[in-house]
PDB file of N, CA and C in Angstrom:
ATOM      1  N   MET A   1     -16.510   7.097   0.297  1.00  0.00           N
ATOM      2  CA  MET A   1     -15.806   6.008   0.892  1.00  0.00           C
ATOM      3  C   MET A   1     -15.445   6.413   2.319  1.00  0.00           C
ATOM      4  N   LYS A   2     -15.655   5.514   3.244  1.00  0.00           N
ATOM      5  CA  LYS A   2     -15.285   5.762   4.634  1.00  0.00           C
ATOM      6  C   LYS A   2     -14.368   4.642   5.102  1.00  0.00           C
ATOM      7  N   ILE A   3     -13.337   5.025   5.826  1.00  0.00           N
ATOM      8  CA  ILE A   3     -12.368   4.069   6.343  1.00  0.00           C
ATOM      9  C   ILE A   3     -12.277   4.248   7.848  1.00  0.00           C
ATOM     10  N   ILE A   4     -12.336   3.142   8.560  1.00  0.00           N
ATOM     11  CA  ILE A   4     -12.153   3.150  10.010  1.00  0.00           C
ATOM     12  C   ILE A   4     -10.817   2.473  10.280  1.00  0.00           C
ATOM     13  N   PHE A   5      -9.941   3.168  11.003  1.00  0.00           N
ATOM     14  CA  PHE A   5      -8.587   2.678  11.250  1.00  0.00           C
ATOM     15  C   PHE A   5      -8.269   2.789  12.732  1.00  0.00           C
ATOM     16  N   PHE A   6      -7.784   1.690  13.321  1.00  0.00           N
ATOM     17  CA  PHE A   6      -7.371   1.699  14.717  1.00  0.00           C
ATOM     18  C   PHE A   6      -5.857   1.607  14.758  1.00  0.00           C
ATOM     19  N   ASP A   7      -5.190   2.612  15.317  1.00  0.00           N
ATOM     20  CA  ASP A   7      -3.731   2.655  15.345  1.00  0.00           C
ATOM     21  C   ASP A   7      -3.135   2.098  16.635  1.00  0.00           C
ATOM     22  N   GLY A   8      -3.935   1.420  17.434  1.00  0.00           N
ATOM     23  CA  GLY A   8      -3.452   0.852  18.686  1.00  0.00           C
ATOM     24  C   GLY A   8      -3.728   1.749  19.881  1.00  0.00           C
ATOM     25  N   ASN A   9      -4.017   3.015  19.630  1.00  0.00           N
ATOM     26  CA  ASN A   9      -4.271   3.960  20.696  1.00  0.00           C
ATOM     27  C   ASN A   9      -5.618   4.655  20.524  1.00  0.00           C
ATOM     28  N   SER A  10      -5.973   4.952  19.293  1.00  0.00           N
ATOM     29  CA  SER A  10      -7.219   5.662  19.033  1.00  0.00           C
ATOM     30  C   SER A  10      -7.828   5.185  17.719  1.00  0.00           C
ATOM     31  N   LEU A  11      -9.084   5.531  17.524  1.00  0.00           N
ATOM     32  CA  LEU A  11      -9.820   5.141  16.333  1.00  0.00           C
ATOM     33  C   LEU A  11      -9.945   6.337  15.408  1.00  0.00           C
ATOM     34  N   TRP A  12      -9.615   6.135  14.114  1.00  0.00           N
ATOM     35  CA  TRP A  12      -9.677   7.196  13.109  1.00  0.00           C
ATOM     36  C   TRP A  12     -10.791   6.875  12.129  1.00  0.00           C
ATOM     37  N   VAL A  13     -11.530   7.894  11.740  1.00  0.00           N
ATOM     38  CA  VAL A  13     -12.527   7.755  10.690  1.00  0.00           C
ATOM     39  C   VAL A  13     -12.134   8.714   9.573  1.00  0.00           C
ATOM     40  N   CYS A  14     -11.877   8.166   8.392  1.00  0.00           N
ATOM     41  CA  CYS A  14     -11.486   8.965   7.233  1.00  0.00           C
ATOM     42  C   CYS A  14     -12.579   8.853   6.176  1.00  0.00           C
ATOM     43  N   ALA A  15     -12.859   9.939   5.504  1.00  0.00           N
ATOM     44  CA  ALA A  15     -13.886   9.933   4.455  1.00  0.00           C
ATOM     45  C   ALA A  15     -13.337  10.613   3.211  1.00  0.00           C
ATOM     46  N   ARG A  16     -13.715  10.073   2.058  1.00  0.00           N
ATOM     47  CA  ARG A  16     -13.325  10.665   0.777  1.00  0.00           C
ATOM     48  C   ARG A  16     -14.509  10.566  -0.174  1.00  0.00           C
ATOM     49  N   ARG A  17     -14.806  11.668  -0.823  1.00  0.00           N
ATOM     50  CA  ARG A  17     -15.898  11.693  -1.778  1.00  0.00           C
ATOM     51  C   ARG A  17     -15.316  11.528  -3.174  1.00  0.00           C
ATOM     52  N   MET A  18     -15.809  10.563  -3.899  1.00  0.00           N
ATOM     53  CA  MET A  18     -15.348  10.305  -5.256  1.00  0.00           C
ATOM     54  C   MET A  18     -16.159  11.181  -6.200  1.00  0.00           C
ATOM     55  N   GLU A  19     -15.528  12.166  -6.785  1.00  0.00           N
ATOM     56  CA  GLU A  19     -16.227  13.114  -7.656  1.00  0.00           C
ATOM     57  C   GLU A  19     -16.632  12.486  -8.988  1.00  0.00           C
ATOM     58  N   GLN A  20     -15.734  11.718  -9.574  1.00  0.00           N
ATOM     59  CA  GLN A  20     -16.032  11.093 -10.860  1.00  0.00           C
ATOM     60  C   GLN A  20     -15.737   9.597 -10.756  1.00  0.00           C
ATOM     61  N   GLY A  21     -16.587   8.803 -11.390  1.00  0.00           N
ATOM     62  CA  GLY A  21     -16.343   7.367 -11.409  1.00  0.00           C
ATOM     63  C   GLY A  21     -16.660   6.698 -10.083  1.00  0.00           C
ATOM     64  N   ARG A  22     -16.203   5.476  -9.994  1.00  0.00           N
ATOM     65  CA  ARG A  22     -16.436   4.683  -8.791  1.00  0.00           C
ATOM     66  C   ARG A  22     -15.145   4.035  -8.331  1.00  0.00           C
ATOM     67  N   LEU A  23     -15.178   3.600  -7.114  1.00  0.00           N
ATOM     68  CA  LEU A  23     -14.040   2.913  -6.536  1.00  0.00           C
ATOM     69  C   LEU A  23     -14.140   1.432  -6.891  1.00  0.00           C
ATOM     70  N   HIS A  24     -13.093   0.852  -7.449  1.00  0.00           N
ATOM     71  CA  HIS A  24     -13.065  -0.559  -7.826  1.00  0.00           C
ATOM     72  C   HIS A  24     -12.381  -1.348  -6.716  1.00  0.00           C
ATOM     73  N   TRP A  25     -13.165  -1.771  -5.729  1.00  0.00           N
ATOM     74  CA  TRP A  25     -12.612  -2.466  -4.572  1.00  0.00           C
ATOM     75  C   TRP A  25     -12.249  -3.899  -4.951  1.00  0.00           C
ATOM     76  N   PRO A  26     -11.068  -4.405  -4.532  1.00  0.00           N
ATOM     77  CA  PRO A  26     -10.674  -5.781  -4.844  1.00  0.00           C
ATOM     78  C   PRO A  26     -11.630  -6.791  -4.208  1.00  0.00           C
ATOM     79  N   VAL A  27     -11.807  -7.920  -4.860  1.00  0.00           N
ATOM     80  CA  VAL A  27     -12.725  -8.962  -4.394  1.00  0.00           C
ATOM     81  C   VAL A  27     -11.913 -10.142  -3.862  1.00  0.00           C
ATOM     82  N   SER A  28     -12.391 -10.745  -2.763  1.00  0.00           N
ATOM     83  CA  SER A  28     -11.763 -11.946  -2.227  1.00  0.00           C
ATOM     84  C   SER A  28     -12.849 -12.938  -1.830  1.00  0.00           C
ATOM     85  N   GLU A  29     -12.454 -14.190  -1.596  1.00  0.00           N
ATOM     86  CA  GLU A  29     -13.425 -15.230  -1.258  1.00  0.00           C
ATOM     87  C   GLU A  29     -14.081 -15.016   0.106  1.00  0.00           C
ATOM     88  N   ASN A  30     -13.307 -14.569   1.091  1.00  0.00           N
ATOM     89  CA  ASN A  30     -13.855 -14.414   2.441  1.00  0.00           C
ATOM     90  C   ASN A  30     -14.375 -13.002   2.721  1.00  0.00           C
ATOM     91  N   GLY A  31     -14.280 -12.102   1.742  1.00  0.00           N
ATOM     92  CA  GLY A  31     -14.801 -10.749   1.922  1.00  0.00           C
ATOM     93  C   GLY A  31     -13.837  -9.774   2.574  1.00  0.00           C
ATOM     94  N   ARG A  32     -12.664 -10.246   2.989  1.00  0.00           N
ATOM     95  CA  ARG A  32     -11.677  -9.376   3.627  1.00  0.00           C
ATOM     96  C   ARG A  32     -10.495  -9.184   2.689  1.00  0.00           C
ATOM     97  N   VAL A  33     -10.015  -7.962   2.623  1.00  0.00           N
ATOM     98  CA  VAL A  33      -8.888  -7.634   1.759  1.00  0.00           C
ATOM     99  C   VAL A  33      -7.869  -6.856   2.566  1.00  0.00           C
ATOM    100  N   GLN A  34      -6.601  -7.263   2.478  1.00  0.00           N
ATOM    101  CA  GLN A  34      -5.522  -6.518   3.131  1.00  0.00           C
ATOM    102  C   GLN A  34      -4.667  -5.904   2.037  1.00  0.00           C
ATOM    103  N   LEU A  35      -4.511  -4.596   2.089  1.00  0.00           N
ATOM    104  CA  LEU A  35      -3.777  -3.863   1.072  1.00  0.00           C
ATOM    105  C   LEU A  35      -2.469  -3.321   1.630  1.00  0.00           C
ATOM    106  N   SER A  36      -1.465  -3.248   0.782  1.00  0.00           N
ATOM    107  CA  SER A  36      -0.217  -2.585   1.167  1.00  0.00           C
ATOM    108  C   SER A  36      -0.428  -1.073   1.044  1.00  0.00           C
ATOM    109  N   ARG A  37       0.536  -0.309   1.489  1.00  0.00           N
ATOM    110  CA  ARG A  37       0.438   1.157   1.376  1.00  0.00           C
ATOM    111  C   ARG A  37       0.348   1.581  -0.086  1.00  0.00           C
ATOM    112  N   GLU A  38       1.155   0.930  -0.920  1.00  0.00           N
ATOM    113  CA  GLU A  38       1.174   1.280  -2.336  1.00  0.00           C
ATOM    114  C   GLU A  38      -0.162   0.945  -3.001  1.00  0.00           C
ATOM    115  N   GLU A  39      -0.707  -0.239  -2.693  1.00  0.00           N
ATOM    116  CA  GLU A  39      -1.997  -0.636  -3.265  1.00  0.00           C
ATOM    117  C   GLU A  39      -3.107   0.305  -2.817  1.00  0.00           C
ATOM    118  N   PHE A  40      -3.076   0.702  -1.549  1.00  0.00           N
ATOM    119  CA  PHE A  40      -4.088   1.619  -1.042  1.00  0.00           C
ATOM    120  C   PHE A  40      -4.000   2.972  -1.734  1.00  0.00           C
ATOM    121  N   ALA A  41      -2.775   3.469  -1.946  1.00  0.00           N
ATOM    122  CA  ALA A  41      -2.595   4.750  -2.627  1.00  0.00           C
ATOM    123  C   ALA A  41      -3.114   4.679  -4.064  1.00  0.00           C
ATOM    124  N   LEU A  42      -2.856   3.566  -4.747  1.00  0.00           N
ATOM    125  CA  LEU A  42      -3.369   3.388  -6.107  1.00  0.00           C
ATOM    126  C   LEU A  42      -4.886   3.336  -6.112  1.00  0.00           C
ATOM    127  N   LEU A  43      -5.463   2.634  -5.151  1.00  0.00           N
ATOM    128  CA  LEU A  43      -6.917   2.509  -5.062  1.00  0.00           C
ATOM    129  C   LEU A  43      -7.570   3.863  -4.826  1.00  0.00           C
ATOM    130  N   ILE A  44      -7.022   4.656  -3.925  1.00  0.00           N
ATOM    131  CA  ILE A  44      -7.552   5.987  -3.642  1.00  0.00           C
ATOM    132  C   ILE A  44      -7.378   6.905  -4.855  1.00  0.00           C
ATOM    133  N   GLY A  45      -6.311   6.680  -5.629  1.00  0.00           N
ATOM    134  CA  GLY A  45      -6.072   7.479  -6.825  1.00  0.00           C
ATOM    135  C   GLY A  45      -6.953   7.115  -8.003  1.00  0.00           C
ATOM    136  N   GLY A  46      -7.773   6.066  -7.856  1.00  0.00           N
ATOM    137  CA  GLY A  46      -8.700   5.695  -8.921  1.00  0.00           C
ATOM    138  C   GLY A  46      -8.221   4.572  -9.820  1.00  0.00           C
ATOM    139  N   ILE A  47      -7.123   3.908  -9.473  1.00  0.00           N
ATOM    140  CA  ILE A  47      -6.592   2.815 -10.284  1.00  0.00           C
ATOM    141  C   ILE A  47      -7.335   1.524  -9.933  1.00  0.00           C
ATOM    142  N   ASP A  48      -7.758   0.775 -10.956  1.00  0.00           N
ATOM    143  CA  ASP A  48      -8.411  -0.515 -10.759  1.00  0.00           C
ATOM    144  C   ASP A  48      -7.333  -1.564 -10.542  1.00  0.00           C
ATOM    145  N   LEU A  49      -7.281  -2.182  -9.368  1.00  0.00           N
ATOM    146  CA  LEU A  49      -6.222  -3.128  -9.022  1.00  0.00           C
ATOM    147  C   LEU A  49      -6.390  -4.495  -9.671  1.00  0.00           C
ATOM    148  N   THR A  50      -7.541  -4.784 -10.257  1.00  0.00           N
ATOM    149  CA  THR A  50      -7.730  -6.093 -10.877  1.00  0.00           C
ATOM    150  C   THR A  50      -6.867  -6.250 -12.124  1.00  0.00           C
ATOM    151  N   GLY A  51      -6.514  -5.171 -12.772  1.00  0.00           N
ATOM    152  CA  GLY A  51      -5.680  -5.225 -13.969  1.00  0.00           C
ATOM    153  C   GLY A  51      -4.199  -5.132 -13.679  1.00  0.00           C
ATOM    154  N   THR A  52      -3.807  -5.139 -12.416  1.00  0.00           N
ATOM    155  CA  THR A  52      -2.400  -5.017 -12.039  1.00  0.00           C
ATOM    156  C   THR A  52      -1.916  -6.306 -11.410  1.00  0.00           C
ATOM    157  N   LYS A  53      -0.601  -6.490 -11.357  1.00  0.00           N
ATOM    158  CA  LYS A  53      -0.035  -7.627 -10.638  1.00  0.00           C
ATOM    159  C   LYS A  53       1.249  -7.186  -9.950  1.00  0.00           C
ATOM    160  N   GLN A  54       1.526  -7.817  -8.836  1.00  0.00           N
ATOM    161  CA  GLN A  54       2.712  -7.459  -8.070  1.00  0.00           C
ATOM    162  C   GLN A  54       3.934  -8.098  -8.693  1.00  0.00           C
ATOM    163  N   ARG A  55       5.040  -7.376  -8.636  1.00  0.00           N
ATOM    164  CA  ARG A  55       6.316  -7.896  -9.088  1.00  0.00           C
ATOM    165  C   ARG A  55       7.231  -8.040  -7.889  1.00  0.00           C
ATOM    166  N   LYS A  56       8.099  -9.030  -7.956  1.00  0.00           N
ATOM    167  CA  LYS A  56       9.096  -9.188  -6.906  1.00  0.00           C
ATOM    168  C   LYS A  56      10.256  -8.257  -7.213  1.00  0.00           C
ATOM    169  N   TRP A  57      10.672  -7.508  -6.210  1.00  0.00           N
ATOM    170  CA  TRP A  57      11.753  -6.555  -6.372  1.00  0.00           C
ATOM    171  C   TRP A  57      12.977  -7.044  -5.633  1.00  0.00           C
ATOM    172  N   TYR A  58      14.124  -6.876  -6.253  1.00  0.00           N
ATOM    173  CA  TYR A  58      15.390  -7.214  -5.607  1.00  0.00           C
ATOM    174  C   TYR A  58      15.896  -5.977  -4.878  1.00  0.00           C
ATOM    175  N   ARG A  59      16.201  -6.148  -3.622  1.00  0.00           N
ATOM    176  CA  ARG A  59      16.790  -5.058  -2.846  1.00  0.00           C
ATOM    177  C   ARG A  59      18.065  -5.559  -2.207  1.00  0.00           C
ATOM    178  N   LYS A  60      19.146  -4.862  -2.490  1.00  0.00           N
ATOM    179  CA  LYS A  60      20.437  -5.247  -1.935  1.00  0.00           C
ATOM    180  C   LYS A  60      20.482  -4.887  -0.456  1.00  0.00           C
ATOM    181  N   PRO A  61      20.896  -5.825   0.379  1.00  0.00           N
ATOM    182  CA  PRO A  61      21.004  -5.521   1.811  1.00  0.00           C
ATOM    183  C   PRO A  61      22.021  -4.411   2.063  1.00  0.00           C
ATOM    184  N   VAL A  62      21.717  -3.531   2.952  1.00  0.00           N
ATOM    185  CA  VAL A  62      22.576  -2.386   3.256  1.00  0.00           C
ATOM    186  C   VAL A  62      23.552  -2.765   4.357  1.00  0.00           C
ATOM    187  N   GLY A  63      24.836  -2.425   4.159  1.00  0.00           N
ATOM    188  CA  GLY A  63      25.846  -2.625   5.195  1.00  0.00           C
ATOM    189  C   GLY A  63      26.324  -4.044   5.337  1.00  0.00           C
ATOM    190  N   ARG A  64      26.069  -4.903   4.365  1.00  0.00           N
ATOM    191  CA  ARG A  64      26.480  -6.306   4.465  1.00  0.00           C
ATOM    192  C   ARG A  64      27.868  -6.550   3.864  1.00  0.00           C
ATOM    193  N   ASP A  65      28.273  -5.756   2.890  1.00  0.00           N
ATOM    194  CA  ASP A  65      29.538  -5.952   2.203  1.00  0.00           C
ATOM    195  C   ASP A  65      30.564  -4.961   2.746  1.00  0.00           C
ATOM    196  N   PRO A  66      31.518  -5.406   3.579  1.00  0.00           N
ATOM    197  CA  PRO A  66      32.479  -4.461   4.180  1.00  0.00           C
ATOM    198  C   PRO A  66      33.428  -3.853   3.162  1.00  0.00           C
ATOM    199  N   GLU A  67      33.708  -4.540   2.015  1.00  0.00           N
ATOM    200  CA  GLU A  67      34.602  -3.983   1.019  1.00  0.00           C
ATOM    201  C   GLU A  67      34.009  -2.762   0.332  1.00  0.00           C
ATOM    202  N   LYS A  68      32.704  -2.757   0.155  1.00  0.00           N
ATOM    203  CA  LYS A  68      32.048  -1.661  -0.527  1.00  0.00           C
ATOM    204  C   LYS A  68      31.516  -0.600   0.436  1.00  0.00           C
ATOM    205  N   ALA A  69      31.790  -0.789   1.716  1.00  0.00           N
ATOM    206  CA  ALA A  69      31.331   0.178   2.714  1.00  0.00           C
ATOM    207  C   ALA A  69      32.080   1.486   2.525  1.00  0.00           C
ATOM    208  N   GLN A  70      31.415   2.557   2.835  1.00  0.00           N
ATOM    209  CA  GLN A  70      32.015   3.878   2.674  1.00  0.00           C
ATOM    210  C   GLN A  70      33.053   4.082   3.788  1.00  0.00           C
ATOM    211  N   LYS A  71      34.261   4.435   3.379  1.00  0.00           N
ATOM    212  CA  LYS A  71      35.345   4.629   4.357  1.00  0.00           C
ATOM    213  C   LYS A  71      35.493   6.110   4.645  1.00  0.00           C
ATOM    214  N   THR A  72      35.746   6.424   5.907  1.00  0.00           N
ATOM    215  CA  THR A  72      35.968   7.821   6.306  1.00  0.00           C
ATOM    216  C   THR A  72      37.371   7.944   6.889  1.00  0.00           C
ATOM    217  N   ALA A  73      37.942   9.120   6.802  1.00  0.00           N
ATOM    218  CA  ALA A  73      39.311   9.333   7.294  1.00  0.00           C
ATOM    219  C   ALA A  73      39.342   9.601   8.766  1.00  0.00           C
TER     220      ALA A  73
END
């Protein structure tokens, strides 16, 4: 597998040889796929993304509640 990545300043070429099995690349109608960091890590680790689904996560905003803010002396 070869990946070409442009970081805004330079072009990176990354290569990885799959020793066992194959890479299960996600399929889309237009042929382009955008992956999150987590999805990319799973894909490189050999996980087939077609059998997975994203969940919505609740994250509490930080520093919004002044009563629960940490007080210092």
